[in-house]
């Protein structure tokens, strides 16, 4: 069984003045369907300073979804997450560990290499059709929960677009050299899980 790490969103609990790492339990069900061991990663960059992350023996990483823009209640938490995930991306590239970025995860992969985001309307809580430009198993219709899109004009050169919606907006990107894949939809939110998503994870992580 292969160890796949997954990042978490941060939730600020005002009444206790504390920040909590959180992950949708549906991810655990998706991992069980694929047959891989889920390693939940804390938003703590100290893992890289003392090399504790090496002990996890990660075979792959998922950058999960969540908020991307700072707000008054969660600025510190979001900065900690951004710092951790950027460190994690660098760690995975250096150690040749494949990464799948989901929604926010795809956005942070884009930003890591200098890409930009643009506001997009009417993309939350809907399903839309997708054009698959690759040989990967990608569904013809996916869910959508994002308020920002990747800028085509400022997409980093290392990424190729492998899926778009019917309006030409980017739905998936791939960096073959660094083994990085980004998808804008949430596979964990489908009930039942989409077989193409399960195949995609299996194929990319070589399970």
C-alpha atoms as a PDB file:
ATOM      1  CA  UNK A   1       0.000   0.000   0.000  1.00  0.00           C
ATOM      2  CA  UNK A   2       1.271   3.446  -0.940  1.00  0.00           C
ATOM      3  CA  UNK A   3       1.337   6.478   1.370  1.00  0.00           C
ATOM      4  CA  UNK A   4      -0.418   9.520  -0.049  1.00  0.00           C
ATOM      5  CA  UNK A   5      -0.264  12.724   1.986  1.00  0.00           C
ATOM      6  CA  UNK A   6      -3.114  15.215   1.900  1.00  0.00           C
ATOM      7  CA  UNK A   7      -3.176  18.817   3.098  1.00  0.00           C
ATOM      8  CA  UNK A   8      -5.960  20.442   5.116  1.00  0.00           C
ATOM      9  CA  UNK A   9      -7.808  23.727   5.294  1.00  0.00           C
ATOM     10  CA  UNK A  10      -7.479  25.879   8.435  1.00  0.00           C
ATOM     11  CA  UNK A  11     -10.529  26.994  10.422  1.00  0.00           C
ATOM     12  CA  UNK A  12     -10.278  29.791  12.989  1.00  0.00           C
ATOM     13  CA  UNK A  13     -12.458  29.150  16.085  1.00  0.00           C
ATOM     14  CA  UNK A  14     -13.093  32.646  17.423  1.00  0.00           C
ATOM     15  CA  UNK A  15     -14.495  31.699  20.844  1.00  0.00           C
ATOM     16  CA  UNK A  16     -11.345  29.694  21.649  1.00  0.00           C
ATOM     17  CA  UNK A  17      -8.925  31.874  19.665  1.00  0.00           C
ATOM     18  CA  UNK A  18      -7.458  28.803  17.992  1.00  0.00           C
ATOM     19  CA  UNK A  19      -6.728  27.556  14.489  1.00  0.00           C
ATOM     20  CA  UNK A  20      -7.740  24.012  13.581  1.00  0.00           C
ATOM     21  CA  UNK A  21      -6.662  21.888  10.644  1.00  0.00           C
ATOM     22  CA  UNK A  22      -9.697  20.294   9.011  1.00  0.00           C
ATOM     23  CA  UNK A  23     -10.386  17.796   6.224  1.00  0.00           C
ATOM     24  CA  UNK A  24     -13.655  16.631   4.707  1.00  0.00           C
ATOM     25  CA  UNK A  25     -14.277  13.029   5.807  1.00  0.00           C
ATOM     26  CA  UNK A  26     -15.312  12.162   2.258  1.00  0.00           C
ATOM     27  CA  UNK A  27     -11.610  12.206   1.361  1.00  0.00           C
ATOM     28  CA  UNK A  28     -11.105   9.217   3.649  1.00  0.00           C
ATOM     29  CA  UNK A  29     -13.860   7.337   1.814  1.00  0.00           C
ATOM     30  CA  UNK A  30     -12.326   8.201  -1.554  1.00  0.00           C
ATOM     31  CA  UNK A  31      -8.913   6.975  -0.388  1.00  0.00           C
ATOM     32  CA  UNK A  32     -10.490   3.723   0.808  1.00  0.00           C
ATOM     33  CA  UNK A  33     -12.102   3.230  -2.610  1.00  0.00           C
ATOM     34  CA  UNK A  34      -8.728   3.678  -4.297  1.00  0.00           C
ATOM     35  CA  UNK A  35      -6.945   1.447  -1.783  1.00  0.00           C
ATOM     36  CA  UNK A  36      -4.273   3.833  -0.527  1.00  0.00           C
ATOM     37  CA  UNK A  37      -3.207   4.925   2.940  1.00  0.00           C
ATOM     38  CA  UNK A  38      -4.185   8.502   3.763  1.00  0.00           C
ATOM     39  CA  UNK A  39      -1.502  10.513   5.559  1.00  0.00           C
ATOM     40  CA  UNK A  40      -3.090  13.711   6.912  1.00  0.00           C
ATOM     41  CA  UNK A  41      -0.564  16.536   6.841  1.00  0.00           C
ATOM     42  CA  UNK A  42      -0.648  19.380   9.396  1.00  0.00           C
ATOM     43  CA  UNK A  43      -0.119  22.971   8.274  1.00  0.00           C
ATOM     44  CA  UNK A  44       3.220  23.153  10.049  1.00  0.00           C
ATOM     45  CA  UNK A  45       6.377  24.111   8.167  1.00  0.00           C
ATOM     46  CA  UNK A  46       8.492  22.890  11.093  1.00  0.00           C
ATOM     47  CA  UNK A  47       8.161  19.457   9.473  1.00  0.00           C
ATOM     48  CA  UNK A  48      10.699  20.561   6.886  1.00  0.00           C
ATOM     49  CA  UNK A  49      13.188  22.118   9.313  1.00  0.00           C
ATOM     50  CA  UNK A  50      13.693  18.964  11.348  1.00  0.00           C
ATOM     51  CA  UNK A  51      13.113  16.623   8.363  1.00  0.00           C
ATOM     52  CA  UNK A  52      10.242  14.928  10.158  1.00  0.00           C
ATOM     53  CA  UNK A  53       8.406  14.787   6.849  1.00  0.00           C
ATOM     54  CA  UNK A  54      10.999  12.326   5.539  1.00  0.00           C
ATOM     55  CA  UNK A  55       9.748   9.724   8.024  1.00  0.00           C
ATOM     56  CA  UNK A  56       6.322   9.692   6.330  1.00  0.00           C
ATOM     57  CA  UNK A  57       7.769   8.018   3.210  1.00  0.00           C
ATOM     58  CA  UNK A  58       5.283   9.787   0.961  1.00  0.00           C
ATOM     59  CA  UNK A  59       4.591   8.252  -2.447  1.00  0.00           C
ATOM     60  CA  UNK A  60       2.354  11.118  -3.494  1.00  0.00           C
ATOM     61  CA  UNK A  61       0.633  14.264  -2.245  1.00  0.00           C
ATOM     62  CA  UNK A  62      -2.801  15.839  -2.689  1.00  0.00           C
ATOM     63  CA  UNK A  63      -3.211  19.570  -2.145  1.00  0.00           C
ATOM     64  CA  UNK A  64      -6.842  19.750  -1.032  1.00  0.00           C
ATOM     65  CA  UNK A  65      -9.358  22.509  -1.645  1.00  0.00           C
ATOM     66  CA  UNK A  66     -10.373  25.463   0.497  1.00  0.00           C
ATOM     67  CA  UNK A  67     -10.292  29.226   0.627  1.00  0.00           C
ATOM     68  CA  UNK A  68      -7.537  31.087  -1.200  1.00  0.00           C
ATOM     69  CA  UNK A  69      -8.143  34.748  -0.410  1.00  0.00           C
ATOM     70  CA  UNK A  70      -7.333  36.199   3.002  1.00  0.00           C
ATOM     71  CA  UNK A  71     -10.122  37.436   5.276  1.00  0.00           C
ATOM     72  CA  UNK A  72     -10.161  39.147   8.651  1.00  0.00           C
ATOM     73  CA  UNK A  73     -10.929  35.984  10.650  1.00  0.00           C
ATOM     74  CA  UNK A  74      -8.408  33.646   9.086  1.00  0.00           C
ATOM     75  CA  UNK A  75      -5.418  35.652   7.863  1.00  0.00           C
ATOM     76  CA  UNK A  76      -2.880  33.915  10.104  1.00  0.00           C
ATOM     77  CA  UNK A  77      -4.218  30.449   9.336  1.00  0.00           C
ATOM     78  CA  UNK A  78      -4.236  31.040   5.597  1.00  0.00           C
ATOM     79  CA  UNK A  79      -0.689  32.426   5.624  1.00  0.00           C
ATOM     80  CA  UNK A  80       0.452  29.323   7.537  1.00  0.00           C
ATOM     81  CA  UNK A  81      -1.251  27.067   5.021  1.00  0.00           C
ATOM     82  CA  UNK A  82       0.205  28.921   2.051  1.00  0.00           C
ATOM     83  CA  UNK A  83       3.681  28.724   3.567  1.00  0.00           C
ATOM     84  CA  UNK A  84       3.349  25.014   4.329  1.00  0.00           C
ATOM     85  CA  UNK A  85       1.975  24.084   0.915  1.00  0.00           C
ATOM     86  CA  UNK A  86       4.624  26.073  -0.935  1.00  0.00           C
ATOM     87  CA  UNK A  87       7.299  24.299   1.108  1.00  0.00           C
ATOM     88  CA  UNK A  88       5.567  21.009   0.363  1.00  0.00           C
ATOM     89  CA  UNK A  89       5.487  21.631  -3.388  1.00  0.00           C
ATOM     90  CA  UNK A  90       9.207  22.396  -3.356  1.00  0.00           C
ATOM     91  CA  UNK A  91       9.897  19.294  -1.253  1.00  0.00           C
ATOM     92  CA  UNK A  92       7.930  17.090  -3.652  1.00  0.00           C
ATOM     93  CA  UNK A  93       9.695  18.481  -6.725  1.00  0.00           C
ATOM     94  CA  UNK A  94      13.132  17.947  -5.190  1.00  0.00           C
ATOM     95  CA  UNK A  95      12.236  14.418  -4.093  1.00  0.00           C
ATOM     96  CA  UNK A  96      10.316  13.532  -7.281  1.00  0.00           C
ATOM     97  CA  UNK A  97       7.033  12.930  -5.456  1.00  0.00           C
ATOM     98  CA  UNK A  98       3.914  13.320  -7.660  1.00  0.00           C
ATOM     99  CA  UNK A  99       1.394  15.988  -6.623  1.00  0.00           C
ATOM    100  CA  UNK A 100      -2.284  16.436  -7.450  1.00  0.00           C
ATOM    101  CA  UNK A 101      -3.717  19.865  -6.677  1.00  0.00           C
ATOM    102  CA  UNK A 102      -7.505  19.974  -6.236  1.00  0.00           C
ATOM    103  CA  UNK A 103      -9.297  23.310  -6.822  1.00  0.00           C
ATOM    104  CA  UNK A 104      -7.349  25.603  -4.448  1.00  0.00           C
ATOM    105  CA  UNK A 105      -4.536  23.060  -4.790  1.00  0.00           C
ATOM    106  CA  UNK A 106      -4.394  23.639  -8.542  1.00  0.00           C
ATOM    107  CA  UNK A 107      -4.441  27.391  -7.936  1.00  0.00           C
ATOM    108  CA  UNK A 108      -1.494  27.243  -5.554  1.00  0.00           C
ATOM    109  CA  UNK A 109       0.480  25.083  -8.011  1.00  0.00           C
ATOM    110  CA  UNK A 110      -0.157  27.797 -10.574  1.00  0.00           C
ATOM    111  CA  UNK A 111       0.863  30.580  -8.180  1.00  0.00           C
ATOM    112  CA  UNK A 112       3.964  28.689  -7.028  1.00  0.00           C
ATOM    113  CA  UNK A 113       5.415  29.166 -10.518  1.00  0.00           C
ATOM    114  CA  UNK A 114       4.270  32.773 -10.853  1.00  0.00           C
ATOM    115  CA  UNK A 115       0.858  32.254 -12.452  1.00  0.00           C
ATOM    116  CA  UNK A 116      -2.065  34.575 -11.751  1.00  0.00           C
ATOM    117  CA  UNK A 117      -5.722  34.158 -10.837  1.00  0.00           C
ATOM    118  CA  UNK A 118      -8.784  36.036 -12.086  1.00  0.00           C
ATOM    119  CA  UNK A 119     -12.250  36.350 -10.564  1.00  0.00           C
ATOM    120  CA  UNK A 120     -14.920  34.214 -12.211  1.00  0.00           C
ATOM    121  CA  UNK A 121     -18.689  34.327 -11.653  1.00  0.00           C
ATOM    122  CA  UNK A 122     -21.354  31.614 -11.565  1.00  0.00           C
ATOM    123  CA  UNK A 123     -18.983  28.705 -10.969  1.00  0.00           C
ATOM    124  CA  UNK A 124     -20.021  27.665  -7.463  1.00  0.00           C
ATOM    125  CA  UNK A 125     -22.316  24.696  -6.871  1.00  0.00           C
ATOM    126  CA  UNK A 126     -22.735  23.780 -10.532  1.00  0.00           C
ATOM    127  CA  UNK A 127     -21.790  20.981 -12.891  1.00  0.00           C
ATOM    128  CA  UNK A 128     -20.467  21.726 -16.354  1.00  0.00           C
ATOM    129  CA  UNK A 129     -19.139  19.856 -19.351  1.00  0.00           C
ATOM    130  CA  UNK A 130     -15.424  19.406 -19.909  1.00  0.00           C
ATOM    131  CA  UNK A 131     -13.286  18.922 -22.991  1.00  0.00           C
ATOM    132  CA  UNK A 132     -10.491  16.420 -22.325  1.00  0.00           C
ATOM    133  CA  UNK A 133      -7.332  17.369 -24.258  1.00  0.00           C
ATOM    134  CA  UNK A 134      -5.231  14.501 -22.887  1.00  0.00           C
ATOM    135  CA  UNK A 135      -5.090  10.716 -22.604  1.00  0.00           C
ATOM    136  CA  UNK A 136      -5.916  10.845 -18.890  1.00  0.00           C
ATOM    137  CA  UNK A 137      -9.318   9.527 -17.741  1.00  0.00           C
ATOM    138  CA  UNK A 138     -11.232  12.785 -17.189  1.00  0.00           C
ATOM    139  CA  UNK A 139     -15.016  12.916 -16.851  1.00  0.00           C
ATOM    140  CA  UNK A 140     -17.135  14.729 -19.427  1.00  0.00           C
ATOM    141  CA  UNK A 141     -18.993  16.574 -16.663  1.00  0.00           C
ATOM    142  CA  UNK A 142     -17.483  17.842 -13.388  1.00  0.00           C
ATOM    143  CA  UNK A 143     -18.586  19.844 -10.347  1.00  0.00           C
ATOM    144  CA  UNK A 144     -17.485  23.422  -9.741  1.00  0.00           C
ATOM    145  CA  UNK A 145     -16.914  25.288  -6.467  1.00  0.00           C
ATOM    146  CA  UNK A 146     -14.356  27.944  -7.352  1.00  0.00           C
ATOM    147  CA  UNK A 147     -14.595  31.732  -7.484  1.00  0.00           C
ATOM    148  CA  UNK A 148     -11.233  32.228  -9.198  1.00  0.00           C
ATOM    149  CA  UNK A 149      -9.817  30.867 -12.445  1.00  0.00           C
ATOM    150  CA  UNK A 150      -6.304  30.525 -13.815  1.00  0.00           C
ATOM    151  CA  UNK A 151      -5.277  33.309 -16.161  1.00  0.00           C
ATOM    152  CA  UNK A 152      -4.540  31.858 -19.593  1.00  0.00           C
ATOM    153  CA  UNK A 153      -2.342  34.846 -20.445  1.00  0.00           C
ATOM    154  CA  UNK A 154      -0.116  34.294 -17.412  1.00  0.00           C
ATOM    155  CA  UNK A 155      -0.106  30.514 -17.149  1.00  0.00           C
ATOM    156  CA  UNK A 156       3.437  29.331 -16.277  1.00  0.00           C
ATOM    157  CA  UNK A 157       5.258  27.812 -19.266  1.00  0.00           C
ATOM    158  CA  UNK A 158       5.878  24.494 -17.498  1.00  0.00           C
ATOM    159  CA  UNK A 159       2.141  23.725 -17.482  1.00  0.00           C
ATOM    160  CA  UNK A 160       0.132  22.411 -20.380  1.00  0.00           C
ATOM    161  CA  UNK A 161      -3.654  22.677 -20.377  1.00  0.00           C
ATOM    162  CA  UNK A 162      -5.162  19.189 -20.497  1.00  0.00           C
ATOM    163  CA  UNK A 163      -8.856  20.015 -19.939  1.00  0.00           C
ATOM    164  CA  UNK A 164     -11.138  23.036 -20.321  1.00  0.00           C
ATOM    165  CA  UNK A 165     -14.811  23.778 -19.923  1.00  0.00           C
ATOM    166  CA  UNK A 166     -16.873  24.615 -23.004  1.00  0.00           C
ATOM    167  CA  UNK A 167     -16.053  28.322 -22.544  1.00  0.00           C
ATOM    168  CA  UNK A 168     -12.338  27.569 -22.731  1.00  0.00           C
ATOM    169  CA  UNK A 169     -11.662  28.111 -19.024  1.00  0.00           C
ATOM    170  CA  UNK A 170      -8.888  25.926 -17.618  1.00  0.00           C
ATOM    171  CA  UNK A 171     -10.093  22.824 -15.764  1.00  0.00           C
ATOM    172  CA  UNK A 172      -6.870  20.814 -15.559  1.00  0.00           C
ATOM    173  CA  UNK A 173      -3.135  21.400 -15.990  1.00  0.00           C
ATOM    174  CA  UNK A 174      -0.110  19.118 -16.157  1.00  0.00           C
ATOM    175  CA  UNK A 175       3.619  19.589 -15.586  1.00  0.00           C
ATOM    176  CA  UNK A 176       5.179  16.375 -16.890  1.00  0.00           C
ATOM    177  CA  UNK A 177       8.731  17.260 -15.838  1.00  0.00           C
ATOM    178  CA  UNK A 178       7.858  17.866 -12.186  1.00  0.00           C
ATOM    179  CA  UNK A 179       4.986  15.339 -12.069  1.00  0.00           C
ATOM    180  CA  UNK A 180       2.361  17.908 -11.057  1.00  0.00           C
ATOM    181  CA  UNK A 181      -1.330  17.659 -11.946  1.00  0.00           C
ATOM    182  CA  UNK A 182      -4.039  20.205 -11.198  1.00  0.00           C
ATOM    183  CA  UNK A 183      -7.816  19.711 -11.377  1.00  0.00           C
ATOM    184  CA  UNK A 184     -10.417  22.383 -10.616  1.00  0.00           C
ATOM    185  CA  UNK A 185     -13.199  20.018  -9.545  1.00  0.00           C
ATOM    186  CA  UNK A 186     -13.694  18.204  -6.219  1.00  0.00           C
ATOM    187  CA  UNK A 187     -13.684  14.405  -6.698  1.00  0.00           C
ATOM    188  CA  UNK A 188     -14.482  13.846  -3.012  1.00  0.00           C
ATOM    189  CA  UNK A 189     -17.828  15.671  -3.342  1.00  0.00           C
ATOM    190  CA  UNK A 190     -19.325  13.267  -5.874  1.00  0.00           C
ATOM    191  CA  UNK A 191     -21.783  10.680  -4.568  1.00  0.00           C
ATOM    192  CA  UNK A 192     -21.037   8.077  -5.744  1.00  0.00           C
ATOM    193  CA  UNK A 193     -17.426   8.756  -6.618  1.00  0.00           C
ATOM    194  CA  UNK A 194     -16.764   9.146 -10.325  1.00  0.00           C
ATOM    195  CA  UNK A 195     -14.926   6.120 -11.705  1.00  0.00           C
ATOM    196  CA  UNK A 196     -12.844   8.393 -13.941  1.00  0.00           C
ATOM    197  CA  UNK A 197     -11.583  10.283 -10.890  1.00  0.00           C
ATOM    198  CA  UNK A 198     -10.584   7.028  -9.205  1.00  0.00           C
ATOM    199  CA  UNK A 199      -8.791   5.923 -12.387  1.00  0.00           C
ATOM    200  CA  UNK A 200      -7.082   9.309 -12.678  1.00  0.00           C
ATOM    201  CA  UNK A 201      -5.678   9.097  -9.136  1.00  0.00           C
ATOM    202  CA  UNK A 202      -4.589   5.496  -9.679  1.00  0.00           C
ATOM    203  CA  UNK A 203      -2.872   6.312 -12.939  1.00  0.00           C
ATOM    204  CA  UNK A 204      -1.119   9.461 -11.776  1.00  0.00           C
ATOM    205  CA  UNK A 205       0.149   7.927  -8.542  1.00  0.00           C
ATOM    206  CA  UNK A 206       1.032   4.642 -10.313  1.00  0.00           C
ATOM    207  CA  UNK A 207      -0.984   2.602  -7.841  1.00  0.00           C
END
